[in-house]
Amino acid sequence: MQQLFSQLGIDWPLLISQAVNFLILLIVLRLFVYKPLLKMMHDRKHRIEEGIMKAQAADERLHEIDMVGKDKIREAETKALALIKKTEDDAKRLEAELLADAKRKEAAELANAQVLLRAQEEESRRAVERDAAAFVRRALVKAVELSPEHIDEALIARAVKSAATSPEVHAGGTAQPA
């Protein structure tokens, strides 16, 4: 067998020295390269897993925040609708109050106008009575010129009173000849 190894070109001392060199290289690489590389890969894997867990937690928080935001928006919309409804109700109430106030003012103005109209009617009636009395006096003066013995102050007063209480004077504002 030794001959076979020598024919193959295997030199035992060289083979053993190369095996020892290989083992030393393997031990050195294992200590200084492989272990730090494995540690670095393990740390990297751990950081990646941690990052994935943080990303999932962030996604969950983002989803929760989104839900809270949607709830806040719904709540704000509800409050806005309530505020709009309250404003509309207040506007309707204010409109009703202003309308009622305007009706009260209109009624007061109408009452004032009626009082003024009655005062004007009364003044017109007095003016008609004065004009009627003057007319009767003038008529009596003309009648006196014809026959002065028939004129009497009581007759004038009775004629004025009769003219003042006649329905033609009150209804139309002026005396209508009969």
N, C-alpha and C. Protein backbone atom coordinates (compact mmCIF):
# COMPACT_ATOMS: atom_id res chain seq x y z
N MET A 1 0.79 -1.13 0.00
CA MET A 1 0.00 0.00 0.00
C MET A 1 0.88 1.25 0.00
N GLN A 2 1.94 1.14 0.59
CA GLN A 2 2.86 2.24 0.60
C GLN A 2 3.36 2.52 -0.81
N GLN A 3 3.49 1.50 -1.52
CA GLN A 3 3.95 1.66 -2.87
C GLN A 3 2.86 2.34 -3.69
N LEU A 4 1.67 1.94 -3.43
CA LEU A 4 0.54 2.54 -4.15
C LEU A 4 0.47 4.04 -3.84
N PHE A 5 0.67 4.37 -2.58
CA PHE A 5 0.62 5.79 -2.21
C PHE A 5 1.78 6.55 -2.82
N SER A 6 2.91 5.92 -2.89
CA SER A 6 4.06 6.61 -3.46
C SER A 6 3.90 6.76 -4.96
N GLN A 7 3.28 5.77 -5.61
CA GLN A 7 3.05 5.89 -7.05
C GLN A 7 2.01 6.98 -7.32
N LEU A 8 1.12 7.12 -6.42
CA LEU A 8 0.12 8.18 -6.61
C LEU A 8 0.72 9.54 -6.27
N GLY A 9 1.79 9.63 -5.71
CA GLY A 9 2.47 10.88 -5.39
C GLY A 9 2.06 11.45 -4.06
N ILE A 10 1.63 10.57 -3.19
CA ILE A 10 1.20 11.05 -1.88
C ILE A 10 2.41 10.98 -0.97
N ASP A 11 2.74 12.09 -0.41
CA ASP A 11 3.83 12.20 0.54
C ASP A 11 3.20 12.38 1.91
N TRP A 12 3.40 11.36 2.77
CA TRP A 12 2.71 11.35 4.07
C TRP A 12 3.12 12.53 4.93
N PRO A 13 4.27 12.87 5.07
CA PRO A 13 4.56 14.00 5.94
C PRO A 13 3.93 15.30 5.40
N LEU A 14 3.93 15.44 4.11
CA LEU A 14 3.32 16.63 3.52
C LEU A 14 1.81 16.61 3.71
N LEU A 15 1.21 15.43 3.55
CA LEU A 15 -0.24 15.29 3.72
C LEU A 15 -0.64 15.60 5.16
N ILE A 16 0.15 15.11 6.11
CA ILE A 16 -0.17 15.36 7.51
C ILE A 16 0.04 16.84 7.83
N SER A 17 1.06 17.43 7.30
CA SER A 17 1.29 18.86 7.57
C SER A 17 0.17 19.70 6.95
N GLN A 18 -0.27 19.31 5.78
CA GLN A 18 -1.39 20.04 5.16
C GLN A 18 -2.68 19.84 5.95
N ALA A 19 -2.91 18.61 6.48
CA ALA A 19 -4.09 18.35 7.30
C ALA A 19 -4.04 19.17 8.57
N VAL A 20 -2.85 19.27 9.20
CA VAL A 20 -2.69 20.08 10.41
C VAL A 20 -2.91 21.54 10.07
N ASN A 21 -2.34 22.00 8.97
CA ASN A 21 -2.56 23.39 8.54
C ASN A 21 -4.05 23.67 8.30
N PHE A 22 -4.70 22.69 7.68
CA PHE A 22 -6.13 22.85 7.41
C PHE A 22 -6.93 22.92 8.71
N LEU A 23 -6.58 22.04 9.69
CA LEU A 23 -7.27 22.06 10.98
C LEU A 23 -7.01 23.38 11.71
N ILE A 24 -5.77 23.86 11.65
CA ILE A 24 -5.45 25.14 12.30
C ILE A 24 -6.24 26.26 11.62
N LEU A 25 -6.28 26.24 10.29
CA LEU A 25 -7.04 27.24 9.54
C LEU A 25 -8.53 27.15 9.88
N LEU A 26 -9.02 25.92 9.99
CA LEU A 26 -10.42 25.71 10.32
C LEU A 26 -10.73 26.25 11.71
N ILE A 27 -9.83 25.99 12.68
CA ILE A 27 -10.04 26.48 14.05
C ILE A 27 -9.97 28.01 14.08
N VAL A 28 -8.99 28.58 13.39
CA VAL A 28 -8.84 30.04 13.36
C VAL A 28 -10.06 30.67 12.69
N LEU A 29 -10.48 30.13 11.55
CA LEU A 29 -11.65 30.67 10.86
C LEU A 29 -12.91 30.52 11.72
N ARG A 30 -13.00 29.36 12.39
CA ARG A 30 -14.18 29.14 13.24
C ARG A 30 -14.21 30.15 14.37
N LEU A 31 -13.07 30.41 14.99
CA LEU A 31 -13.03 31.33 16.11
C LEU A 31 -13.19 32.78 15.67
N PHE A 32 -12.48 33.17 14.63
CA PHE A 32 -12.43 34.59 14.27
C PHE A 32 -13.38 35.01 13.15
N VAL A 33 -13.88 34.09 12.38
CA VAL A 33 -14.75 34.47 11.26
C VAL A 33 -16.14 33.85 11.43
N TYR A 34 -16.20 32.55 11.57
CA TYR A 34 -17.49 31.86 11.56
C TYR A 34 -18.35 32.26 12.75
N LYS A 35 -17.78 32.25 13.99
CA LYS A 35 -18.58 32.62 15.16
C LYS A 35 -19.04 34.08 15.09
N PRO A 36 -18.17 35.06 14.78
CA PRO A 36 -18.66 36.44 14.66
C PRO A 36 -19.69 36.59 13.53
N LEU A 37 -19.47 35.84 12.44
CA LEU A 37 -20.42 35.91 11.34
C LEU A 37 -21.77 35.34 11.76
N LEU A 38 -21.75 34.19 12.47
CA LEU A 38 -23.00 33.63 12.98
C LEU A 38 -23.67 34.57 13.98
N LYS A 39 -22.84 35.18 14.85
CA LYS A 39 -23.40 36.13 15.82
C LYS A 39 -24.02 37.33 15.11
N MET A 40 -23.31 37.83 14.11
CA MET A 40 -23.84 38.98 13.35
C MET A 40 -25.13 38.60 12.63
N MET A 41 -25.19 37.41 12.05
CA MET A 41 -26.40 36.97 11.37
C MET A 41 -27.55 36.77 12.36
N HIS A 42 -27.20 36.20 13.53
CA HIS A 42 -28.22 36.02 14.57
C HIS A 42 -28.77 37.38 15.04
N ASP A 43 -27.85 38.34 15.28
CA ASP A 43 -28.28 39.69 15.68
C ASP A 43 -29.13 40.33 14.60
N ARG A 44 -28.72 40.17 13.36
CA ARG A 44 -29.48 40.75 12.25
C ARG A 44 -30.86 40.12 12.17
N LYS A 45 -30.92 38.79 12.32
CA LYS A 45 -32.21 38.10 12.30
C LYS A 45 -33.09 38.61 13.44
N HIS A 46 -32.48 38.78 14.62
CA HIS A 46 -33.22 39.27 15.77
C HIS A 46 -33.74 40.70 15.51
N ARG A 47 -32.90 41.57 14.93
CA ARG A 47 -33.33 42.94 14.62
C ARG A 47 -34.44 42.94 13.57
N ILE A 48 -34.33 42.06 12.59
CA ILE A 48 -35.38 41.98 11.56
C ILE A 48 -36.69 41.53 12.19
N GLU A 49 -36.62 40.51 13.05
CA GLU A 49 -37.85 40.05 13.73
C GLU A 49 -38.42 41.15 14.61
N GLU A 50 -37.52 41.85 15.31
CA GLU A 50 -37.97 42.96 16.15
C GLU A 50 -38.61 44.06 15.30
N GLY A 51 -38.00 44.36 14.15
CA GLY A 51 -38.55 45.37 13.24
C GLY A 51 -39.92 44.96 12.72
N ILE A 52 -40.05 43.67 12.39
CA ILE A 52 -41.35 43.17 11.90
C ILE A 52 -42.40 43.29 12.99
N MET A 53 -42.02 42.94 14.23
CA MET A 53 -42.98 43.05 15.34
C MET A 53 -43.36 44.50 15.59
N LYS A 54 -42.35 45.40 15.52
CA LYS A 54 -42.65 46.83 15.69
C LYS A 54 -43.53 47.34 14.56
N ALA A 55 -43.27 46.87 13.34
CA ALA A 55 -44.10 47.29 12.20
C ALA A 55 -45.53 46.80 12.38
N GLN A 56 -45.68 45.56 12.87
CA GLN A 56 -47.03 45.05 13.12
C GLN A 56 -47.71 45.86 14.22
N ALA A 57 -46.95 46.16 15.29
CA ALA A 57 -47.52 46.98 16.37
C ALA A 57 -47.88 48.36 15.84
N ALA A 58 -47.02 48.93 14.99
CA ALA A 58 -47.31 50.25 14.40
C ALA A 58 -48.54 50.18 13.52
N ASP A 59 -48.67 49.09 12.74
CA ASP A 59 -49.86 48.93 11.91
C ASP A 59 -51.12 48.84 12.77
N GLU A 60 -51.02 48.09 13.88
CA GLU A 60 -52.18 47.99 14.78
C GLU A 60 -52.52 49.34 15.38
N ARG A 61 -51.49 50.07 15.83
CA ARG A 61 -51.74 51.40 16.40
C ARG A 61 -52.31 52.35 15.34
N LEU A 62 -51.76 52.25 14.13
CA LEU A 62 -52.26 53.08 13.04
C LEU A 62 -53.73 52.76 12.76
N HIS A 63 -54.07 51.49 12.77
CA HIS A 63 -55.46 51.09 12.57
C HIS A 63 -56.33 51.63 13.71
N GLU A 64 -55.83 51.52 14.95
CA GLU A 64 -56.58 52.05 16.09
C GLU A 64 -56.75 53.57 15.97
N ILE A 65 -55.69 54.25 15.58
CA ILE A 65 -55.75 55.70 15.41
C ILE A 65 -56.72 56.05 14.30
N ASP A 66 -56.70 55.27 13.24
CA ASP A 66 -57.62 55.49 12.14
C ASP A 66 -59.07 55.34 12.61
N MET A 67 -59.31 54.30 13.41
CA MET A 67 -60.67 54.08 13.93
C MET A 67 -61.07 55.23 14.86
N VAL A 68 -60.13 55.65 15.72
CA VAL A 68 -60.41 56.77 16.62
C VAL A 68 -60.68 58.03 15.80
N GLY A 69 -59.88 58.24 14.74
CA GLY A 69 -60.09 59.40 13.87
C GLY A 69 -61.46 59.35 13.21
N LYS A 70 -61.85 58.18 12.73
CA LYS A 70 -63.18 58.05 12.11
C LYS A 70 -64.27 58.31 13.13
N ASP A 71 -64.07 57.81 14.37
CA ASP A 71 -65.06 58.07 15.42
C ASP A 71 -65.14 59.56 15.72
N LYS A 72 -63.99 60.22 15.79
CA LYS A 72 -63.97 61.67 16.05
C LYS A 72 -64.66 62.42 14.92
N ILE A 73 -64.42 61.98 13.69
CA ILE A 73 -65.06 62.64 12.54
C ILE A 73 -66.58 62.46 12.62
N ARG A 74 -67.01 61.23 12.94
CA ARG A 74 -68.45 60.98 13.07
C ARG A 74 -69.02 61.84 14.19
N GLU A 75 -68.29 61.91 15.31
CA GLU A 75 -68.75 62.72 16.44
C GLU A 75 -68.82 64.19 16.06
N ALA A 76 -67.80 64.66 15.33
CA ALA A 76 -67.79 66.07 14.89
C ALA A 76 -68.94 66.33 13.92
N GLU A 77 -69.21 65.39 13.02
CA GLU A 77 -70.34 65.55 12.09
C GLU A 77 -71.66 65.59 12.85
N THR A 78 -71.78 64.73 13.87
CA THR A 78 -73.00 64.73 14.68
C THR A 78 -73.16 66.06 15.40
N LYS A 79 -72.06 66.54 15.99
CA LYS A 79 -72.12 67.83 16.67
C LYS A 79 -72.44 68.95 15.70
N ALA A 80 -71.85 68.90 14.50
CA ALA A 80 -72.11 69.93 13.50
C ALA A 80 -73.58 69.91 13.08
N LEU A 81 -74.12 68.71 12.87
CA LEU A 81 -75.54 68.61 12.51
C LEU A 81 -76.43 69.13 13.63
N ALA A 82 -76.06 68.79 14.87
CA ALA A 82 -76.84 69.29 16.02
C ALA A 82 -76.75 70.80 16.09
N LEU A 83 -75.57 71.35 15.86
CA LEU A 83 -75.40 72.80 15.88
C LEU A 83 -76.20 73.46 14.76
N ILE A 84 -76.18 72.85 13.58
CA ILE A 84 -76.96 73.41 12.47
C ILE A 84 -78.45 73.36 12.79
N LYS A 85 -78.91 72.23 13.36
CA LYS A 85 -80.32 72.11 13.72
C LYS A 85 -80.69 73.13 14.78
N LYS A 86 -79.83 73.31 15.78
CA LYS A 86 -80.09 74.29 16.83
C LYS A 86 -80.15 75.70 16.23
N THR A 87 -79.21 75.98 15.32
CA THR A 87 -79.19 77.29 14.68
C THR A 87 -80.47 77.51 13.87
N GLU A 88 -80.90 76.48 13.14
CA GLU A 88 -82.14 76.60 12.38
C GLU A 88 -83.33 76.82 13.31
N ASP A 89 -83.37 76.07 14.42
CA ASP A 89 -84.46 76.24 15.38
C ASP A 89 -84.44 77.65 15.98
N ASP A 90 -83.24 78.13 16.32
CA ASP A 90 -83.12 79.49 16.85
C ASP A 90 -83.57 80.52 15.82
N ALA A 91 -83.19 80.27 14.56
CA ALA A 91 -83.59 81.20 13.50
C ALA A 91 -85.11 81.21 13.32
N LYS A 92 -85.72 80.02 13.37
CA LYS A 92 -87.18 79.94 13.25
C LYS A 92 -87.85 80.64 14.43
N ARG A 93 -87.30 80.41 15.64
CA ARG A 93 -87.87 81.04 16.83
C ARG A 93 -87.73 82.55 16.72
N LEU A 94 -86.56 83.04 16.30
CA LEU A 94 -86.33 84.47 16.16
C LEU A 94 -87.25 85.04 15.08
N GLU A 95 -87.43 84.30 14.00
CA GLU A 95 -88.33 84.75 12.94
C GLU A 95 -89.76 84.88 13.48
N ALA A 96 -90.19 83.87 14.26
CA ALA A 96 -91.53 83.92 14.84
C ALA A 96 -91.66 85.10 15.80
N GLU A 97 -90.62 85.33 16.61
CA GLU A 97 -90.66 86.47 17.53
C GLU A 97 -90.73 87.78 16.77
N LEU A 98 -89.90 87.91 15.71
CA LEU A 98 -89.91 89.15 14.92
C LEU A 98 -91.25 89.34 14.23
N LEU A 99 -91.82 88.23 13.73
CA LEU A 99 -93.12 88.31 13.09
C LEU A 99 -94.20 88.73 14.08
N ALA A 100 -94.16 88.14 15.28
CA ALA A 100 -95.13 88.51 16.32
C ALA A 100 -94.94 89.97 16.72
N ASP A 101 -93.68 90.40 16.84
CA ASP A 101 -93.41 91.79 17.19
C ASP A 101 -93.91 92.73 16.10
N ALA A 102 -93.70 92.33 14.84
CA ALA A 102 -94.18 93.15 13.73
C ALA A 102 -95.71 93.22 13.73
N LYS A 103 -96.36 92.08 14.04
CA LYS A 103 -97.83 92.09 14.11
C LYS A 103 -98.31 92.99 15.24
N ARG A 104 -97.60 92.92 16.41
CA ARG A 104 -97.98 93.80 17.52
C ARG A 104 -97.82 95.27 17.13
N LYS A 105 -96.70 95.59 16.47
CA LYS A 105 -96.48 96.97 16.04
C LYS A 105 -97.52 97.39 15.02
N GLU A 106 -97.86 96.45 14.11
CA GLU A 106 -98.87 96.75 13.10
C GLU A 106 -100.22 97.01 13.76
N ALA A 107 -100.57 96.18 14.75
CA ALA A 107 -101.83 96.37 15.47
C ALA A 107 -101.83 97.70 16.21
N ALA A 108 -100.69 98.05 16.83
CA ALA A 108 -100.60 99.33 17.54
C ALA A 108 -100.74 100.50 16.57
N GLU A 109 -100.06 100.39 15.41
CA GLU A 109 -100.16 101.44 14.40
C GLU A 109 -101.60 101.55 13.87
N LEU A 110 -102.24 100.39 13.68
CA LEU A 110 -103.62 100.39 13.22
C LEU A 110 -104.53 101.05 14.26
N ALA A 111 -104.30 100.72 15.53
CA ALA A 111 -105.10 101.33 16.59
C ALA A 111 -104.87 102.84 16.62
N ASN A 112 -103.60 103.25 16.48
CA ASN A 112 -103.30 104.69 16.44
C ASN A 112 -103.97 105.35 15.24
N ALA A 113 -103.93 104.67 14.10
CA ALA A 113 -104.57 105.22 12.90
C ALA A 113 -106.08 105.34 13.11
N GLN A 114 -106.68 104.32 13.77
CA GLN A 114 -108.12 104.39 14.04
C GLN A 114 -108.44 105.53 14.98
N VAL A 115 -107.60 105.73 16.01
CA VAL A 115 -107.82 106.85 16.93
C VAL A 115 -107.72 108.17 16.19
N LEU A 116 -106.68 108.29 15.32
CA LEU A 116 -106.54 109.52 14.54
C LEU A 116 -107.72 109.71 13.60
N LEU A 117 -108.19 108.62 13.00
CA LEU A 117 -109.33 108.70 12.09
C LEU A 117 -110.58 109.15 12.84
N ARG A 118 -110.78 108.58 14.04
CA ARG A 118 -111.94 109.00 14.84
C ARG A 118 -111.83 110.47 15.22
N ALA A 119 -110.60 110.91 15.56
CA ALA A 119 -110.40 112.32 15.93
C ALA A 119 -110.67 113.21 14.73
N GLN A 120 -110.22 112.75 13.55
CA GLN A 120 -110.48 113.54 12.34
C GLN A 120 -111.97 113.55 12.01
N GLU A 121 -112.63 112.41 12.20
CA GLU A 121 -114.08 112.37 11.96
C GLU A 121 -114.80 113.32 12.92
N GLU A 122 -114.36 113.29 14.18
CA GLU A 122 -114.98 114.18 15.18
C GLU A 122 -114.75 115.64 14.81
N GLU A 123 -113.52 115.95 14.38
CA GLU A 123 -113.20 117.32 13.98
C GLU A 123 -114.01 117.71 12.75
N SER A 124 -114.13 116.74 11.81
CA SER A 124 -114.93 117.02 10.62
C SER A 124 -116.40 117.25 11.00
N ARG A 125 -116.92 116.42 11.94
CA ARG A 125 -118.30 116.59 12.39
C ARG A 125 -118.49 117.96 13.04
N ARG A 126 -117.52 118.38 13.86
CA ARG A 126 -117.62 119.71 14.49
C ARG A 126 -117.58 120.81 13.44
N ALA A 127 -116.68 120.62 12.44
CA ALA A 127 -116.60 121.64 11.38
C ALA A 127 -117.91 121.70 10.61
N VAL A 128 -118.52 120.53 10.36
CA VAL A 128 -119.80 120.51 9.65
C VAL A 128 -120.87 121.19 10.50
N GLU A 129 -120.83 120.92 11.81
CA GLU A 129 -121.80 121.57 12.70
C GLU A 129 -121.62 123.08 12.67
N ARG A 130 -120.33 123.53 12.72
CA ARG A 130 -120.09 124.99 12.67
C ARG A 130 -120.57 125.56 11.34
N ASP A 131 -120.20 124.84 10.26
CA ASP A 131 -120.63 125.32 8.94
C ASP A 131 -122.15 125.32 8.83
N ALA A 132 -122.78 124.26 9.39
CA ALA A 132 -124.25 124.18 9.34
C ALA A 132 -124.86 125.32 10.14
N ALA A 133 -124.27 125.61 11.33
CA ALA A 133 -124.79 126.71 12.15
C ALA A 133 -124.64 128.02 11.42
N ALA A 134 -123.48 128.22 10.78
CA ALA A 134 -123.28 129.46 10.03
C ALA A 134 -124.25 129.54 8.86
N PHE A 135 -124.45 128.40 8.20
CA PHE A 135 -125.37 128.36 7.08
C PHE A 135 -126.79 128.69 7.54
N VAL A 136 -127.17 128.08 8.68
CA VAL A 136 -128.52 128.33 9.21
C VAL A 136 -128.64 129.80 9.60
N ARG A 137 -127.58 130.34 10.21
CA ARG A 137 -127.64 131.76 10.58
C ARG A 137 -127.81 132.63 9.34
N ARG A 138 -127.02 132.33 8.31
CA ARG A 138 -127.13 133.12 7.09
C ARG A 138 -128.52 132.97 6.49
N ALA A 139 -129.02 131.72 6.55
CA ALA A 139 -130.36 131.50 6.01
C ALA A 139 -131.39 132.26 6.83
N LEU A 140 -131.20 132.26 8.15
CA LEU A 140 -132.14 132.99 9.01
C LEU A 140 -132.02 134.49 8.82
N VAL A 141 -130.77 134.94 8.62
CA VAL A 141 -130.60 136.38 8.38
C VAL A 141 -131.36 136.74 7.10
N LYS A 142 -131.26 135.89 6.11
CA LYS A 142 -132.00 136.16 4.88
C LYS A 142 -133.50 136.11 5.15
N ALA A 143 -133.86 135.14 6.00
CA ALA A 143 -135.27 135.04 6.32
C ALA A 143 -135.72 136.22 7.15
N VAL A 144 -134.85 136.77 8.00
CA VAL A 144 -135.18 137.92 8.84
C VAL A 144 -135.36 139.14 7.96
N GLU A 145 -134.55 139.21 6.99
CA GLU A 145 -134.70 140.35 6.11
C GLU A 145 -136.09 140.31 5.48
N LEU A 146 -136.60 139.12 5.34
CA LEU A 146 -137.93 139.03 4.78
C LEU A 146 -138.99 139.28 5.85
N SER A 147 -138.84 138.55 6.98
CA SER A 147 -139.81 138.78 8.06
C SER A 147 -139.10 138.62 9.39
N PRO A 148 -138.65 139.67 10.00
CA PRO A 148 -137.86 139.61 11.21
C PRO A 148 -138.64 139.17 12.44
N GLU A 149 -139.92 139.20 12.45
CA GLU A 149 -140.66 138.84 13.65
C GLU A 149 -140.64 137.34 13.93
N HIS A 150 -140.31 136.53 12.97
CA HIS A 150 -140.33 135.07 13.17
C HIS A 150 -138.99 134.49 13.63
N ILE A 151 -137.98 135.26 13.68
CA ILE A 151 -136.66 134.71 14.03
C ILE A 151 -136.50 134.74 15.53
N ASP A 152 -136.00 133.65 15.94
CA ASP A 152 -135.82 133.49 17.38
C ASP A 152 -134.53 132.70 17.61
N GLU A 153 -133.82 133.02 18.66
CA GLU A 153 -132.55 132.33 18.94
C GLU A 153 -132.81 130.86 19.26
N ALA A 154 -133.87 130.53 19.87
CA ALA A 154 -134.21 129.14 20.18
C ALA A 154 -134.42 128.36 18.89
N LEU A 155 -134.99 129.01 17.90
CA LEU A 155 -135.19 128.37 16.61
C LEU A 155 -133.85 128.02 15.97
N ILE A 156 -132.87 128.89 16.10
CA ILE A 156 -131.53 128.64 15.55
C ILE A 156 -130.89 127.47 16.29
N ALA A 157 -130.97 127.45 17.60
CA ALA A 157 -130.36 126.38 18.40
C ALA A 157 -131.00 125.04 18.05
N ARG A 158 -132.34 125.03 17.90
CA ARG A 158 -133.03 123.80 17.55
C ARG A 158 -132.63 123.33 16.15
N ALA A 159 -132.45 124.21 15.23
CA ALA A 159 -132.04 123.85 13.87
C ALA A 159 -130.62 123.27 13.87
N VAL A 160 -129.73 123.87 14.66
CA VAL A 160 -128.35 123.37 14.74
C VAL A 160 -128.35 122.00 15.39
N LYS A 161 -129.14 121.84 16.47
CA LYS A 161 -129.21 120.55 17.15
C LYS A 161 -129.80 119.50 16.23
N SER A 162 -130.77 119.84 15.48
CA SER A 162 -131.39 118.92 14.55
C SER A 162 -130.40 118.53 13.44
N ALA A 163 -129.64 119.49 12.98
CA ALA A 163 -128.65 119.21 11.93
C ALA A 163 -127.52 118.33 12.47
N ALA A 164 -127.19 118.52 13.74
CA ALA A 164 -126.09 117.75 14.35
C ALA A 164 -126.49 116.31 14.59
N THR A 165 -127.76 116.05 14.89
CA THR A 165 -128.18 114.68 15.20
C THR A 165 -128.79 113.97 14.01
N SER A 166 -128.88 114.60 12.89
CA SER A 166 -129.49 113.94 11.73
C SER A 166 -128.54 112.87 11.19
N PRO A 167 -129.09 111.72 10.71
CA PRO A 167 -128.26 110.61 10.23
C PRO A 167 -127.44 110.97 8.99
N GLU A 168 -127.83 111.91 8.20
CA GLU A 168 -127.08 112.27 7.00
C GLU A 168 -125.74 112.88 7.38
N VAL A 169 -125.69 113.64 8.50
CA VAL A 169 -124.45 114.29 8.90
C VAL A 169 -123.46 113.24 9.39
N HIS A 170 -123.92 112.26 10.20
CA HIS A 170 -123.01 111.26 10.77
C HIS A 170 -122.57 110.25 9.72
N ALA A 171 -123.39 109.86 8.84
CA ALA A 171 -123.06 108.80 7.88
C ALA A 171 -122.09 109.30 6.85
N GLY A 172 -122.33 110.38 6.25
CA GLY A 172 -121.50 110.82 5.14
C GLY A 172 -120.53 111.91 5.50
N GLY A 173 -120.69 112.54 6.63
CA GLY A 173 -119.79 113.61 7.04
C GLY A 173 -120.31 114.96 6.65
N THR A 174 -121.29 115.06 5.77
CA THR A 174 -121.87 116.36 5.39
C THR A 174 -123.38 116.20 5.41
N ALA A 175 -124.02 117.30 5.64
CA ALA A 175 -125.48 117.28 5.68
C ALA A 175 -126.03 117.22 4.27
N GLN A 176 -126.94 116.32 4.04
CA GLN A 176 -127.59 116.19 2.74
C GLN A 176 -128.94 116.92 2.82
N PRO A 177 -129.25 117.74 1.87
CA PRO A 177 -130.57 118.39 1.89
C PRO A 177 -131.67 117.37 1.67
N ALA A 178 -132.74 117.54 2.41
CA ALA A 178 -133.85 116.59 2.33
C ALA A 178 -134.85 116.97 1.28
